[in-house]
Structure formats: C-alpha cells, structure tokens
C-alpha cells in the first residue's frame, strides 16, 4: 500500500485558547483578546516563547472565529485533519475509511510533535488543512493598548476639594482633575490614557485608585462626618453654645438644656461633599462628651450637695 501522506501533527486550537468545543463565537473572541494582549510582541519584545505563543493564538483564532474553517476543523476530527488529501487518498483507493480501503497510521507517516510555524506565521498543520486559500490576505491583528493602573494618595482635606494634580504614567506627565468627594480606594477610569494600541486600535485605559488618609478630627461614613465635642457639665445641664469643628472652620452650635452624655446632634450639610454633585454635602453628626468636673472646691461640693437634696 502506498505511503501517500506525510501527515502533520494535530493542533488542538480549543486548548490553545483555553475554551471548550461548545464555545460560542463571542467566547472565542474574548479568550483570544485576553491571551493575545498578554503575549503580544510589543509587550514581550525579547521573549521568543511569547512570540511563538502569540502566533499560535492567532492561528487558533483564525480557524475558530471563521464558521467555515471551524466546521472543517471539527468535521475531520483529531485523527484525520488533512481534509483535501484525505479525500484524494480515499478516491485513489476506490473507497474510503469505512469503505473498501483500509488504512493505518503507518500509511500516513509518523505523527510528530508540533510542526512549528513557517515564515508566513502559520503552522504546517494549518497549511496542510487549509492551504494558502485559508489565509486572510493582508490580515494584521489590531489590539487595544495595555491598560495601566496606579494610586494617587490624598489627604482627607484634599479629598474634600476639587483640585488639579499632576501624576506620572509610564514616564509621561499627566494633569488630572480630582473631583471633591472621592472615597478611599475609589477607582476611576481615564479612557485612552494607557498604552498605545497596535495597527490602528485604540489606546488602553488608565485606572486610578485614590488612597485617602484618615483624619484625626473627623470620621467619615459615606458623605456624613462624625465628630466628638467636649461639653462641660454646666452647659450640659443648663444649655448654652459650643464651638464645633467643621471642614469650613468652627461654627457655633446651640446645646439644649439637659444634654446627656453620648447624645448626638446633627448639623445639616456640614459633612463631606457629595462626589460629582456640586453644592451637595452630607451632614455633620456631633457626639457630646460631657465632662464631669474634678478637684472641686469645698464651696462647689456644697452646692452639688444642695442640688442633690432637691431631687
């Protein structure tokens, strides 16, 4: 029996892209884009293995993203991928696999390892299965640029004010506007400020995470601020006024007679600015810390005794 084929090793394109054989066209596209960015030559200029992997990904995508190629690839299965020559062999023998002819692996030569890529960027397996007509003439893959990420550290007061800041991204200085009201670990995206795209594709994006320092005076919960205020026992009992710290400075606040330790009062719109809503603020919640006097004089002790008797 003639040895008519030097058959190329089977390449599992599904495995190359890390997807199942039931994957949809969108699944193929997503898997390809994710891996192609990772192994793109622009990001791995001196890594030959990454270049090889990138070519393998391109070839897998070339086949699985094309319904006709994928159908042909799936139809002939893992053992007999060279469809055209397979058909020729079947006709020459006057039958076929499952017909009058009988074949074994020896009739098709040895099954080697991955046969590698030629100068055109396609493996021998691909060339034998699809031939030159299978290539997408002049096709060059375009990839969105790499996304960048970084941190911008802000003081508590800086986060409460809209302001400009200059940051450095990959050696390039960029002036950004920080909106008032950003939260700790909040992330924003600056479109097109990442790495450059290839072959006309858009640039990547820049993701900035804000790290906001805590404040020794205020505690923040959402847009509301919390502050403790010391009140002497006389003001707590009789009522009066108290100077309270706010982000805009100190303000006078009325203390009701009979204020209890740990009780709270709310100052409307004296809290943190609401993110990207100019003129809107949270509230300031004041917790009263009533201070009991110590080291009383004899006269003061006598007065408290008299008050005690009036209960």
C-alpha atoms as a PDB file:
ATOM      1  CA  UNK A   1       0.000   0.000   0.000  1.00  0.00           C
ATOM      2  CA  UNK A   2       1.482   3.375  -0.973  1.00  0.00           C
ATOM      3  CA  UNK A   3       2.582   5.868   1.590  1.00  0.00           C
ATOM      4  CA  UNK A   4       0.780   8.902   0.192  1.00  0.00           C
ATOM      5  CA  UNK A   5       0.864  11.397   3.041  1.00  0.00           C
ATOM      6  CA  UNK A   6       3.356  12.839   5.454  1.00  0.00           C
ATOM      7  CA  UNK A   7       0.665  13.850   7.908  1.00  0.00           C
ATOM      8  CA  UNK A   8       1.184  16.810  10.230  1.00  0.00           C
ATOM      9  CA  UNK A   9       0.585  16.681  13.976  1.00  0.00           C
ATOM     10  CA  UNK A  10      -2.866  17.653  15.182  1.00  0.00           C
ATOM     11  CA  UNK A  11      -3.140  21.001  16.959  1.00  0.00           C
ATOM     12  CA  UNK A  12      -5.920  21.454  19.493  1.00  0.00           C
ATOM     13  CA  UNK A  13      -6.999  25.040  18.812  1.00  0.00           C
ATOM     14  CA  UNK A  14      -9.573  24.887  21.586  1.00  0.00           C
ATOM     15  CA  UNK A  15      -6.873  24.043  24.086  1.00  0.00           C
ATOM     16  CA  UNK A  16      -4.692  26.850  22.709  1.00  0.00           C
ATOM     17  CA  UNK A  17      -7.404  29.377  23.560  1.00  0.00           C
ATOM     18  CA  UNK A  18      -8.410  27.617  26.772  1.00  0.00           C
ATOM     19  CA  UNK A  19     -12.037  27.112  25.728  1.00  0.00           C
ATOM     20  CA  UNK A  20     -14.401  24.171  25.249  1.00  0.00           C
ATOM     21  CA  UNK A  21     -15.563  22.808  21.900  1.00  0.00           C
ATOM     22  CA  UNK A  22     -19.019  24.207  22.610  1.00  0.00           C
ATOM     23  CA  UNK A  23     -17.681  27.762  22.991  1.00  0.00           C
ATOM     24  CA  UNK A  24     -19.612  30.444  21.133  1.00  0.00           C
ATOM     25  CA  UNK A  25     -18.070  32.863  18.656  1.00  0.00           C
ATOM     26  CA  UNK A  26     -18.107  35.527  21.386  1.00  0.00           C
ATOM     27  CA  UNK A  27     -16.320  33.141  23.747  1.00  0.00           C
ATOM     28  CA  UNK A  28     -13.630  32.600  21.098  1.00  0.00           C
ATOM     29  CA  UNK A  29     -13.233  36.346  20.642  1.00  0.00           C
ATOM     30  CA  UNK A  30     -12.983  37.077  24.380  1.00  0.00           C
ATOM     31  CA  UNK A  31     -10.476  34.289  25.021  1.00  0.00           C
ATOM     32  CA  UNK A  32      -8.339  35.355  22.069  1.00  0.00           C
ATOM     33  CA  UNK A  33      -8.268  39.035  23.042  1.00  0.00           C
ATOM     34  CA  UNK A  34      -7.345  38.261  26.632  1.00  0.00           C
ATOM     35  CA  UNK A  35      -4.446  35.971  25.751  1.00  0.00           C
ATOM     36  CA  UNK A  36      -3.267  37.987  22.758  1.00  0.00           C
ATOM     37  CA  UNK A  37      -2.798  41.063  24.937  1.00  0.00           C
ATOM     38  CA  UNK A  38      -0.729  39.010  27.375  1.00  0.00           C
ATOM     39  CA  UNK A  39       1.600  37.577  24.722  1.00  0.00           C
ATOM     40  CA  UNK A  40       1.637  40.492  22.264  1.00  0.00           C
ATOM     41  CA  UNK A  41       5.148  41.065  20.835  1.00  0.00           C
ATOM     42  CA  UNK A  42       5.003  44.770  21.734  1.00  0.00           C
ATOM     43  CA  UNK A  43       4.751  43.811  25.396  1.00  0.00           C
ATOM     44  CA  UNK A  44       7.303  40.980  25.157  1.00  0.00           C
ATOM     45  CA  UNK A  45       9.930  42.320  22.749  1.00  0.00           C
ATOM     46  CA  UNK A  46      12.706  39.908  23.792  1.00  0.00           C
ATOM     47  CA  UNK A  47      10.650  36.831  24.647  1.00  0.00           C
ATOM     48  CA  UNK A  48      10.736  34.286  21.812  1.00  0.00           C
ATOM     49  CA  UNK A  49       8.375  31.928  23.604  1.00  0.00           C
ATOM     50  CA  UNK A  50       5.805  34.723  23.888  1.00  0.00           C
ATOM     51  CA  UNK A  51       6.152  35.401  20.142  1.00  0.00           C
ATOM     52  CA  UNK A  52       5.574  31.709  19.429  1.00  0.00           C
ATOM     53  CA  UNK A  53       2.552  31.656  21.718  1.00  0.00           C
ATOM     54  CA  UNK A  54       1.184  34.775  20.040  1.00  0.00           C
ATOM     55  CA  UNK A  55       1.394  33.093  16.631  1.00  0.00           C
ATOM     56  CA  UNK A  56      -0.366  30.007  17.987  1.00  0.00           C
ATOM     57  CA  UNK A  57      -3.158  32.190  19.352  1.00  0.00           C
ATOM     58  CA  UNK A  58      -3.526  33.994  16.032  1.00  0.00           C
ATOM     59  CA  UNK A  59      -3.806  30.702  14.192  1.00  0.00           C
ATOM     60  CA  UNK A  60      -6.341  29.278  16.634  1.00  0.00           C
ATOM     61  CA  UNK A  61      -8.433  32.418  16.312  1.00  0.00           C
ATOM     62  CA  UNK A  62      -8.097  32.323  12.526  1.00  0.00           C
ATOM     63  CA  UNK A  63      -9.745  28.908  12.465  1.00  0.00           C
ATOM     64  CA  UNK A  64     -12.259  29.042  15.312  1.00  0.00           C
ATOM     65  CA  UNK A  65     -13.586  32.518  14.553  1.00  0.00           C
ATOM     66  CA  UNK A  66     -14.359  31.554  10.952  1.00  0.00           C
ATOM     67  CA  UNK A  67     -17.505  29.352  10.766  1.00  0.00           C
ATOM     68  CA  UNK A  68     -16.378  27.545   7.587  1.00  0.00           C
ATOM     69  CA  UNK A  69     -12.876  26.800   8.829  1.00  0.00           C
ATOM     70  CA  UNK A  70     -14.184  25.747  12.218  1.00  0.00           C
ATOM     71  CA  UNK A  71     -16.683  23.378  10.603  1.00  0.00           C
ATOM     72  CA  UNK A  72     -13.954  21.761   8.504  1.00  0.00           C
ATOM     73  CA  UNK A  73     -11.623  21.569  11.504  1.00  0.00           C
ATOM     74  CA  UNK A  74     -14.283  19.923  13.668  1.00  0.00           C
ATOM     75  CA  UNK A  75     -15.540  17.609  10.943  1.00  0.00           C
ATOM     76  CA  UNK A  76     -12.329  15.748  10.303  1.00  0.00           C
ATOM     77  CA  UNK A  77     -11.613  15.265  13.947  1.00  0.00           C
ATOM     78  CA  UNK A  78      -8.414  14.676  15.781  1.00  0.00           C
ATOM     79  CA  UNK A  79      -7.020  11.818  13.682  1.00  0.00           C
ATOM     80  CA  UNK A  80      -7.513  12.915  10.078  1.00  0.00           C
ATOM     81  CA  UNK A  81      -7.222  16.643   9.682  1.00  0.00           C
ATOM     82  CA  UNK A  82      -5.817  16.914   6.185  1.00  0.00           C
ATOM     83  CA  UNK A  83      -9.212  17.032   4.535  1.00  0.00           C
ATOM     84  CA  UNK A  84      -8.192  17.593   0.911  1.00  0.00           C
ATOM     85  CA  UNK A  85      -5.521  14.909   0.793  1.00  0.00           C
ATOM     86  CA  UNK A  86      -7.710  12.610   2.830  1.00  0.00           C
ATOM     87  CA  UNK A  87     -10.371  12.836   0.155  1.00  0.00           C
ATOM     88  CA  UNK A  88      -7.738  12.277  -2.552  1.00  0.00           C
ATOM     89  CA  UNK A  89      -6.475   9.155  -0.766  1.00  0.00           C
ATOM     90  CA  UNK A  90      -9.980   7.841  -0.397  1.00  0.00           C
ATOM     91  CA  UNK A  91     -10.687   8.275  -4.106  1.00  0.00           C
ATOM     92  CA  UNK A  92      -7.404   6.665  -5.165  1.00  0.00           C
ATOM     93  CA  UNK A  93      -8.123   3.580  -3.134  1.00  0.00           C
ATOM     94  CA  UNK A  94     -11.588   3.259  -4.607  1.00  0.00           C
ATOM     95  CA  UNK A  95     -13.222   3.527  -1.286  1.00  0.00           C
ATOM     96  CA  UNK A  96     -12.573   5.346   1.912  1.00  0.00           C
ATOM     97  CA  UNK A  97     -12.218   4.967   5.557  1.00  0.00           C
ATOM     98  CA  UNK A  98     -15.116   2.838   6.422  1.00  0.00           C
ATOM     99  CA  UNK A  99     -15.360   1.805   2.724  1.00  0.00           C
ATOM    100  CA  UNK A 100     -13.342  -0.630   0.589  1.00  0.00           C
ATOM    101  CA  UNK A 101      -9.959   0.782   1.590  1.00  0.00           C
ATOM    102  CA  UNK A 102      -8.084   0.010   4.774  1.00  0.00           C
ATOM    103  CA  UNK A 103      -5.509   2.350   6.361  1.00  0.00           C
ATOM    104  CA  UNK A 104      -3.365   2.565   9.415  1.00  0.00           C
ATOM    105  CA  UNK A 105      -1.191   5.252  10.921  1.00  0.00           C
ATOM    106  CA  UNK A 106       1.858   3.898   9.046  1.00  0.00           C
ATOM    107  CA  UNK A 107       0.217   4.699   5.721  1.00  0.00           C
ATOM    108  CA  UNK A 108       0.332   8.351   6.642  1.00  0.00           C
ATOM    109  CA  UNK A 109       3.832   8.624   8.001  1.00  0.00           C
ATOM    110  CA  UNK A 110       4.894   9.361  11.570  1.00  0.00           C
ATOM    111  CA  UNK A 111       2.945  11.666  13.851  1.00  0.00           C
ATOM    112  CA  UNK A 112       5.460  14.141  15.205  1.00  0.00           C
ATOM    113  CA  UNK A 113       5.230  16.971  17.685  1.00  0.00           C
ATOM    114  CA  UNK A 114       4.081  20.480  16.897  1.00  0.00           C
ATOM    115  CA  UNK A 115       5.409  21.164  13.442  1.00  0.00           C
ATOM    116  CA  UNK A 116       6.171  24.805  14.034  1.00  0.00           C
ATOM    117  CA  UNK A 117       5.433  27.991  12.143  1.00  0.00           C
ATOM    118  CA  UNK A 118       6.843  28.960   8.800  1.00  0.00           C
ATOM    119  CA  UNK A 119       7.841  32.397   7.679  1.00  0.00           C
ATOM    120  CA  UNK A 120       4.204  33.250   6.987  1.00  0.00           C
ATOM    121  CA  UNK A 121       3.214  32.785  10.618  1.00  0.00           C
ATOM    122  CA  UNK A 122       1.152  29.610  10.071  1.00  0.00           C
ATOM    123  CA  UNK A 123       1.927  26.078  11.213  1.00  0.00           C
ATOM    124  CA  UNK A 124       2.381  23.211   8.748  1.00  0.00           C
ATOM    125  CA  UNK A 125      -0.800  21.759  10.189  1.00  0.00           C
ATOM    126  CA  UNK A 126      -2.752  24.850   9.157  1.00  0.00           C
ATOM    127  CA  UNK A 127      -1.116  24.983   5.718  1.00  0.00           C
ATOM    128  CA  UNK A 128      -1.935  21.336   5.026  1.00  0.00           C
ATOM    129  CA  UNK A 129      -5.505  21.653   6.242  1.00  0.00           C
ATOM    130  CA  UNK A 130      -6.459  24.949   4.628  1.00  0.00           C
ATOM    131  CA  UNK A 131      -3.655  25.784   2.193  1.00  0.00           C
ATOM    132  CA  UNK A 132      -2.838  29.280   1.021  1.00  0.00           C
ATOM    133  CA  UNK A 133      -6.513  29.983   0.411  1.00  0.00           C
ATOM    134  CA  UNK A 134      -7.117  29.624   4.132  1.00  0.00           C
ATOM    135  CA  UNK A 135      -5.093  32.706   4.983  1.00  0.00           C
ATOM    136  CA  UNK A 136      -6.694  36.034   5.394  1.00  0.00           C
ATOM    137  CA  UNK A 137      -4.725  38.061   2.902  1.00  0.00           C
ATOM    138  CA  UNK A 138      -3.023  41.077   4.404  1.00  0.00           C
ATOM    139  CA  UNK A 139      -4.680  40.493   7.746  1.00  0.00           C
ATOM    140  CA  UNK A 140      -2.813  42.048  10.640  1.00  0.00           C
ATOM    141  CA  UNK A 141      -4.335  41.797  14.071  1.00  0.00           C
ATOM    142  CA  UNK A 142      -5.123  45.042  15.832  1.00  0.00           C
ATOM    143  CA  UNK A 143      -5.047  45.168  19.625  1.00  0.00           C
ATOM    144  CA  UNK A 144      -6.188  47.731  22.102  1.00  0.00           C
ATOM    145  CA  UNK A 145      -3.275  49.108  24.118  1.00  0.00           C
ATOM    146  CA  UNK A 146      -2.383  47.820  27.546  1.00  0.00           C
ATOM    147  CA  UNK A 147      -4.381  49.170  30.493  1.00  0.00           C
ATOM    148  CA  UNK A 148      -2.355  50.968  33.160  1.00  0.00           C
ATOM    149  CA  UNK A 149      -3.175  51.304  36.848  1.00  0.00           C
ATOM    150  CA  UNK A 150      -1.789  53.358  39.706  1.00  0.00           C
ATOM    151  CA  UNK A 151      -2.536  55.033  43.016  1.00  0.00           C
ATOM    152  CA  UNK A 152      -2.998  58.682  43.946  1.00  0.00           C
ATOM    153  CA  UNK A 153      -2.617  59.490  47.634  1.00  0.00           C
ATOM    154  CA  UNK A 154      -4.721  62.311  49.077  1.00  0.00           C
ATOM    155  CA  UNK A 155      -5.057  63.910  52.466  1.00  0.00           C
ATOM    156  CA  UNK A 156      -8.535  63.978  53.976  1.00  0.00           C
ATOM    157  CA  UNK A 157      -8.863  67.684  53.208  1.00  0.00           C
ATOM    158  CA  UNK A 158      -7.624  67.265  49.612  1.00  0.00           C
ATOM    159  CA  UNK A 159     -10.313  64.664  49.010  1.00  0.00           C
ATOM    160  CA  UNK A 160     -12.904  67.229  50.121  1.00  0.00           C
ATOM    161  CA  UNK A 161     -11.913  69.740  47.426  1.00  0.00           C
ATOM    162  CA  UNK A 162     -11.925  69.651  43.642  1.00  0.00           C
ATOM    163  CA  UNK A 163      -8.355  70.278  42.562  1.00  0.00           C
ATOM    164  CA  UNK A 164      -5.758  69.582  39.878  1.00  0.00           C
ATOM    165  CA  UNK A 165      -2.928  67.132  40.331  1.00  0.00           C
ATOM    166  CA  UNK A 166      -0.028  66.093  38.124  1.00  0.00           C
ATOM    167  CA  UNK A 167       0.793  62.412  38.001  1.00  0.00           C
ATOM    168  CA  UNK A 168       3.388  60.444  36.071  1.00  0.00           C
ATOM    169  CA  UNK A 169       2.293  57.450  33.992  1.00  0.00           C
ATOM    170  CA  UNK A 170       4.948  55.326  32.305  1.00  0.00           C
ATOM    171  CA  UNK A 171       7.335  58.280  32.125  1.00  0.00           C
ATOM    172  CA  UNK A 172       4.662  60.659  30.851  1.00  0.00           C
ATOM    173  CA  UNK A 173       3.262  63.505  32.979  1.00  0.00           C
ATOM    174  CA  UNK A 174      -0.491  63.822  33.064  1.00  0.00           C
ATOM    175  CA  UNK A 175      -2.562  66.554  34.711  1.00  0.00           C
ATOM    176  CA  UNK A 176      -5.847  65.307  36.121  1.00  0.00           C
ATOM    177  CA  UNK A 177      -8.790  66.852  37.948  1.00  0.00           C
ATOM    178  CA  UNK A 178      -9.658  65.202  41.257  1.00  0.00           C
ATOM    179  CA  UNK A 179     -13.372  65.737  41.982  1.00  0.00           C
ATOM    180  CA  UNK A 180     -14.351  66.652  45.529  1.00  0.00           C
ATOM    181  CA  UNK A 181     -15.876  63.778  47.482  1.00  0.00           C
ATOM    182  CA  UNK A 182     -13.697  60.869  46.335  1.00  0.00           C
ATOM    183  CA  UNK A 183     -13.643  57.934  48.719  1.00  0.00           C
ATOM    184  CA  UNK A 184     -10.764  55.834  49.979  1.00  0.00           C
ATOM    185  CA  UNK A 185      -9.931  53.074  47.429  1.00  0.00           C
ATOM    186  CA  UNK A 186     -12.348  54.554  44.889  1.00  0.00           C
ATOM    187  CA  UNK A 187     -11.248  53.847  41.329  1.00  0.00           C
ATOM    188  CA  UNK A 188     -11.779  55.967  38.239  1.00  0.00           C
ATOM    189  CA  UNK A 189     -11.009  55.237  34.584  1.00  0.00           C
ATOM    190  CA  UNK A 190      -9.322  57.671  32.216  1.00  0.00           C
ATOM    191  CA  UNK A 191     -10.113  56.386  28.755  1.00  0.00           C
ATOM    192  CA  UNK A 192      -7.278  56.266  26.249  1.00  0.00           C
ATOM    193  CA  UNK A 193      -4.547  57.153  28.761  1.00  0.00           C
ATOM    194  CA  UNK A 194      -2.994  53.685  28.845  1.00  0.00           C
ATOM    195  CA  UNK A 195      -0.532  52.048  26.454  1.00  0.00           C
ATOM    196  CA  UNK A 196      -0.719  52.712  22.706  1.00  0.00           C
ATOM    197  CA  UNK A 197      -2.779  50.379  20.518  1.00  0.00           C
ATOM    198  CA  UNK A 198      -1.350  48.486  17.554  1.00  0.00           C
ATOM    199  CA  UNK A 199      -2.390  48.674  13.912  1.00  0.00           C
ATOM    200  CA  UNK A 200      -4.910  51.450  14.456  1.00  0.00           C
ATOM    201  CA  UNK A 201      -6.522  50.016  17.576  1.00  0.00           C
ATOM    202  CA  UNK A 202      -7.358  52.432  20.416  1.00  0.00           C
ATOM    203  CA  UNK A 203      -5.023  53.067  23.334  1.00  0.00           C
ATOM    204  CA  UNK A 204      -5.601  51.313  26.635  1.00  0.00           C
ATOM    205  CA  UNK A 205      -7.160  52.950  29.662  1.00  0.00           C
ATOM    206  CA  UNK A 206      -5.700  54.288  32.895  1.00  0.00           C
ATOM    207  CA  UNK A 207      -7.253  53.113  36.166  1.00  0.00           C
ATOM    208  CA  UNK A 208      -6.508  55.334  39.157  1.00  0.00           C
ATOM    209  CA  UNK A 209      -7.223  54.222  42.728  1.00  0.00           C
ATOM    210  CA  UNK A 210      -7.443  57.008  45.310  1.00  0.00           C
ATOM    211  CA  UNK A 211      -5.958  56.367  48.738  1.00  0.00           C
ATOM    212  CA  UNK A 212      -7.435  58.871  51.190  1.00  0.00           C
ATOM    213  CA  UNK A 213      -5.723  59.340  54.535  1.00  0.00           C
ATOM    214  CA  UNK A 214      -7.744  59.282  57.746  1.00  0.00           C
ATOM    215  CA  UNK A 215      -8.306  62.487  59.720  1.00  0.00           C
ATOM    216  CA  UNK A 216      -7.555  63.000  63.425  1.00  0.00           C
ATOM    217  CA  UNK A 217     -10.747  65.028  63.967  1.00  0.00           C
ATOM    218  CA  UNK A 218     -13.414  63.626  61.655  1.00  0.00           C
ATOM    219  CA  UNK A 219     -14.610  60.121  60.933  1.00  0.00           C
ATOM    220  CA  UNK A 220     -16.306  59.589  57.599  1.00  0.00           C
ATOM    221  CA  UNK A 221     -19.192  57.297  56.765  1.00  0.00           C
ATOM    222  CA  UNK A 222     -20.327  57.849  53.211  1.00  0.00           C
ATOM    223  CA  UNK A 223     -20.928  61.585  52.929  1.00  0.00           C
ATOM    224  CA  UNK A 224     -21.608  62.102  56.643  1.00  0.00           C
ATOM    225  CA  UNK A 225     -18.905  63.183  59.056  1.00  0.00           C
ATOM    226  CA  UNK A 226     -18.720  62.382  62.763  1.00  0.00           C
ATOM    227  CA  UNK A 227     -17.001  64.477  65.397  1.00  0.00           C
ATOM    228  CA  UNK A 228     -16.804  64.408  69.192  1.00  0.00           C
ATOM    229  CA  UNK A 229     -17.385  67.591  71.187  1.00  0.00           C
ATOM    230  CA  UNK A 230     -16.498  68.110  74.857  1.00  0.00           C
ATOM    231  CA  UNK A 231     -19.240  69.826  76.884  1.00  0.00           C
ATOM    232  CA  UNK A 232     -18.784  70.932  80.461  1.00  0.00           C
ATOM    233  CA  UNK A 233     -21.394  69.698  82.910  1.00  0.00           C
ATOM    234  CA  UNK A 234     -22.794  73.173  83.491  1.00  0.00           C
ATOM    235  CA  UNK A 235     -23.542  73.746  79.783  1.00  0.00           C
ATOM    236  CA  UNK A 236     -24.918  70.230  79.501  1.00  0.00           C
ATOM    237  CA  UNK A 237     -27.303  70.894  82.405  1.00  0.00           C
ATOM    238  CA  UNK A 238     -28.260  74.499  81.705  1.00  0.00           C
ATOM    239  CA  UNK A 239     -27.782  74.690  77.932  1.00  0.00           C
ATOM    240  CA  UNK A 240     -25.662  77.171  76.016  1.00  0.00           C
ATOM    241  CA  UNK A 241     -23.410  77.452  72.964  1.00  0.00           C
ATOM    242  CA  UNK A 242     -20.479  75.421  71.773  1.00  0.00           C
ATOM    243  CA  UNK A 243     -17.838  75.901  69.057  1.00  0.00           C
ATOM    244  CA  UNK A 244     -17.807  72.879  66.740  1.00  0.00           C
ATOM    245  CA  UNK A 245     -15.104  71.953  64.192  1.00  0.00           C
ATOM    246  CA  UNK A 246     -16.300  71.589  60.569  1.00  0.00           C
ATOM    247  CA  UNK A 247     -14.426  71.328  57.268  1.00  0.00           C
ATOM    248  CA  UNK A 248     -15.094  75.043  56.785  1.00  0.00           C
ATOM    249  CA  UNK A 249     -13.812  76.021  60.212  1.00  0.00           C
ATOM    250  CA  UNK A 250     -15.536  76.399  63.575  1.00  0.00           C
ATOM    251  CA  UNK A 251     -19.251  77.166  63.889  1.00  0.00           C
ATOM    252  CA  UNK A 252     -21.428  77.995  66.899  1.00  0.00           C
ATOM    253  CA  UNK A 253     -23.923  75.365  67.906  1.00  0.00           C
ATOM    254  CA  UNK A 254     -26.677  75.578  70.491  1.00  0.00           C
ATOM    255  CA  UNK A 255     -26.654  72.977  73.254  1.00  0.00           C
ATOM    256  CA  UNK A 256     -30.044  72.106  74.682  1.00  0.00           C
ATOM    257  CA  UNK A 257     -30.511  72.109  78.472  1.00  0.00           C
ATOM    258  CA  UNK A 258     -30.308  68.639  79.957  1.00  0.00           C
ATOM    259  CA  UNK A 259     -27.990  67.241  77.267  1.00  0.00           C
ATOM    260  CA  UNK A 260     -26.989  63.689  78.167  1.00  0.00           C
ATOM    261  CA  UNK A 261     -23.505  62.143  77.767  1.00  0.00           C
ATOM    262  CA  UNK A 262     -23.208  60.387  74.404  1.00  0.00           C
ATOM    263  CA  UNK A 263     -26.218  62.124  72.879  1.00  0.00           C
ATOM    264  CA  UNK A 264     -25.948  63.359  69.313  1.00  0.00           C
ATOM    265  CA  UNK A 265     -26.885  66.414  67.321  1.00  0.00           C
ATOM    266  CA  UNK A 266     -26.919  66.866  63.543  1.00  0.00           C
ATOM    267  CA  UNK A 267     -25.659  69.838  61.568  1.00  0.00           C
ATOM    268  CA  UNK A 268     -27.261  69.714  58.119  1.00  0.00           C
ATOM    269  CA  UNK A 269     -24.966  69.904  55.081  1.00  0.00           C
ATOM    270  CA  UNK A 270     -21.819  70.365  57.127  1.00  0.00           C
ATOM    271  CA  UNK A 271     -20.419  66.983  56.170  1.00  0.00           C
ATOM    272  CA  UNK A 272     -18.354  65.739  53.221  1.00  0.00           C
ATOM    273  CA  UNK A 273     -19.105  66.933  49.671  1.00  0.00           C
ATOM    274  CA  UNK A 274     -21.107  64.505  47.538  1.00  0.00           C
ATOM    275  CA  UNK A 275     -18.999  63.097  44.702  1.00  0.00           C
ATOM    276  CA  UNK A 276     -19.620  64.922  41.408  1.00  0.00           C
ATOM    277  CA  UNK A 277     -22.681  66.726  42.800  1.00  0.00           C
ATOM    278  CA  UNK A 278     -21.608  70.303  43.214  1.00  0.00           C
ATOM    279  CA  UNK A 279     -23.145  72.130  46.155  1.00  0.00           C
ATOM    280  CA  UNK A 280     -24.386  68.974  47.875  1.00  0.00           C
ATOM    281  CA  UNK A 281     -22.976  67.800  51.203  1.00  0.00           C
ATOM    282  CA  UNK A 282     -23.578  65.178  53.805  1.00  0.00           C
ATOM    283  CA  UNK A 283     -24.311  66.052  57.449  1.00  0.00           C
ATOM    284  CA  UNK A 284     -22.061  66.512  60.458  1.00  0.00           C
ATOM    285  CA  UNK A 285     -23.077  64.391  63.424  1.00  0.00           C
ATOM    286  CA  UNK A 286     -21.821  65.694  66.760  1.00  0.00           C
ATOM    287  CA  UNK A 287     -21.489  63.351  69.740  1.00  0.00           C
ATOM    288  CA  UNK A 288     -21.445  65.120  73.099  1.00  0.00           C
ATOM    289  CA  UNK A 289     -18.807  64.126  75.583  1.00  0.00           C
ATOM    290  CA  UNK A 290     -19.999  65.586  78.901  1.00  0.00           C
ATOM    291  CA  UNK A 291     -17.068  66.322  81.157  1.00  0.00           C
ATOM    292  CA  UNK A 292     -17.574  65.789  84.875  1.00  0.00           C
ATOM    293  CA  UNK A 293     -15.538  68.293  86.934  1.00  0.00           C
ATOM    294  CA  UNK A 294     -12.746  67.084  89.194  1.00  0.00           C
ATOM    295  CA  UNK A 295     -10.888  68.743  92.080  1.00  0.00           C
ATOM    296  CA  UNK A 296     -13.997  70.574  93.284  1.00  0.00           C
ATOM    297  CA  UNK A 297     -13.630  73.259  95.907  1.00  0.00           C
ATOM    298  CA  UNK A 298     -15.495  72.909  99.173  1.00  0.00           C
ATOM    299  CA  UNK A 299     -17.966  75.524  98.054  1.00  0.00           C
ATOM    300  CA  UNK A 300     -18.644  73.663  94.807  1.00  0.00           C
ATOM    301  CA  UNK A 301     -19.092  70.403  96.650  1.00  0.00           C
ATOM    302  CA  UNK A 302     -21.567  72.097  98.978  1.00  0.00           C
ATOM    303  CA  UNK A 303     -23.566  73.399  96.009  1.00  0.00           C
ATOM    304  CA  UNK A 304     -23.754  69.930  94.497  1.00  0.00           C
ATOM    305  CA  UNK A 305     -24.902  68.568  97.850  1.00  0.00           C
ATOM    306  CA  UNK A 306     -27.650  71.143  97.910  1.00  0.00           C
ATOM    307  CA  UNK A 307     -28.708  70.135  94.389  1.00  0.00           C
ATOM    308  CA  UNK A 308     -28.719  66.547  95.450  1.00  0.00           C
ATOM    309  CA  UNK A 309     -31.129  67.300  98.282  1.00  0.00           C
ATOM    310  CA  UNK A 310     -33.615  68.869  95.868  1.00  0.00           C
ATOM    311  CA  UNK A 311     -34.173  65.646  93.927  1.00  0.00           C
END
